[in-house]
Amino acid sequence: MSTPDAADFVTFITAMPIGQLVLFGLLLVTWLIGVNILIAFHYKRRGKHWASGFKPFAFPYKDFNAAEWSILGFLFIISLLFLIMALAYGN
């Protein structure tokens, strides 16, 4: 068995139905953009520059309040639902 390369990845992606690609895209957009916005607002709430959470070794989750933990959990659940729908779409 050979090691997968970029051509194998492109073949894998292009073989997916368009609906499945859209759902995977929604998963990535929801998680990446949602969490980045959440962290930016967390640091703004604490009176720091909004980009403070994006420095290496920054761990913003230790000072989250209940609302921020709830938003993070909501983002996780929505992303998980997009993942489940994308995986089920091909079947």
Protein backbone atom coordinates (compact mmCIF):
# COMPACT_ATOMS: atom_id res chain seq x y z
CA MET A 1 0.00 0.00 0.00
CA SER A 2 1.46 3.33 -1.04
CA THR A 3 1.34 6.55 0.88
CA PRO A 4 -1.44 8.89 -0.29
CA ASP A 5 -0.30 12.03 -2.07
CA ALA A 6 -1.96 15.23 -3.29
CA ALA A 7 -3.33 13.57 -6.42
CA ASP A 8 -5.12 10.95 -4.31
CA PHE A 9 -6.63 13.73 -2.18
CA VAL A 10 -7.85 15.61 -5.25
CA THR A 11 -9.36 12.40 -6.64
CA PHE A 12 -11.08 11.76 -3.30
CA ILE A 13 -12.53 15.28 -3.15
CA THR A 14 -13.71 15.38 -6.77
CA ALA A 15 -15.47 12.02 -6.36
CA MET A 16 -17.73 13.45 -3.63
CA PRO A 17 -21.25 14.61 -4.48
CA ILE A 18 -21.65 18.40 -4.49
CA GLY A 19 -24.07 18.30 -1.55
CA GLN A 20 -21.51 16.50 0.57
CA LEU A 21 -18.86 19.07 -0.32
CA VAL A 22 -21.23 21.88 0.63
CA LEU A 23 -21.93 20.28 4.01
CA PHE A 24 -18.22 19.78 4.70
CA GLY A 25 -17.68 23.42 3.71
CA LEU A 26 -20.39 24.53 6.13
CA LEU A 27 -18.72 22.47 8.84
CA LEU A 28 -15.37 24.17 8.28
CA VAL A 29 -16.84 27.67 7.99
CA THR A 30 -19.01 27.25 11.10
CA TRP A 31 -16.21 25.91 13.27
CA LEU A 32 -13.26 28.01 12.10
CA ILE A 33 -14.99 31.37 11.73
CA GLY A 34 -17.33 30.88 14.68
CA VAL A 35 -14.57 29.99 17.14
CA ASN A 36 -12.33 32.80 15.90
CA ILE A 37 -15.13 35.35 16.37
CA LEU A 38 -15.88 33.90 19.82
CA ILE A 39 -12.25 34.24 20.91
CA ALA A 40 -12.02 37.79 19.53
CA PHE A 41 -15.12 38.86 21.48
CA HIS A 42 -13.80 37.11 24.60
CA TYR A 43 -10.64 39.20 24.55
CA LYS A 44 -12.62 42.35 23.76
CA ARG A 45 -14.82 41.63 26.80
CA ARG A 46 -11.71 41.30 28.97
CA GLY A 47 -10.38 44.66 27.76
CA LYS A 48 -7.52 43.26 25.70
CA HIS A 49 -6.83 43.66 22.01
CA TRP A 50 -9.12 41.38 20.00
CA ALA A 51 -6.15 39.58 18.38
CA SER A 52 -4.55 38.62 21.72
CA GLY A 53 -6.03 35.15 21.53
CA PHE A 54 -4.34 34.34 18.26
CA LYS A 55 -0.79 34.53 19.61
CA PRO A 56 1.15 31.27 19.95
CA PHE A 57 0.46 29.46 23.24
CA ALA A 58 -2.53 31.68 24.08
CA PHE A 59 -5.12 29.66 25.95
CA PRO A 60 -8.27 31.80 26.04
CA TYR A 61 -10.60 29.07 27.27
CA LYS A 62 -9.47 29.27 30.89
CA ASP A 63 -11.26 32.59 31.42
CA PHE A 64 -14.48 31.87 29.53
CA ASN A 65 -17.72 32.77 31.24
CA ALA A 66 -20.88 30.66 31.07
CA ALA A 67 -22.20 32.43 27.97
CA GLU A 68 -18.96 31.87 26.06
CA TRP A 69 -18.87 28.19 27.04
CA SER A 70 -22.48 27.89 25.87
CA ILE A 71 -21.64 29.49 22.52
CA LEU A 72 -18.65 27.17 22.12
CA GLY A 73 -20.84 24.17 22.89
CA PHE A 74 -23.44 25.40 20.39
CA LEU A 75 -20.76 25.78 17.71
CA PHE A 76 -19.54 22.25 18.47
CA ILE A 77 -23.03 20.77 18.21
CA ILE A 78 -23.82 22.60 14.95
CA SER A 79 -20.48 21.53 13.47
CA LEU A 80 -21.08 17.95 14.58
CA LEU A 81 -24.51 17.99 12.93
CA PHE A 82 -22.95 19.23 9.66
CA LEU A 83 -20.39 16.40 9.90
CA ILE A 84 -23.09 13.78 10.47
CA MET A 85 -25.19 15.14 7.59
CA ALA A 86 -22.16 15.19 5.28
CA LEU A 87 -21.21 11.61 6.15
CA ALA A 88 -24.81 10.43 5.75
CA TYR A 89 -25.26 12.27 2.45
CA GLY A 90 -23.19 9.74 0.51
CA ASN A 91 -25.26 6.78 1.71
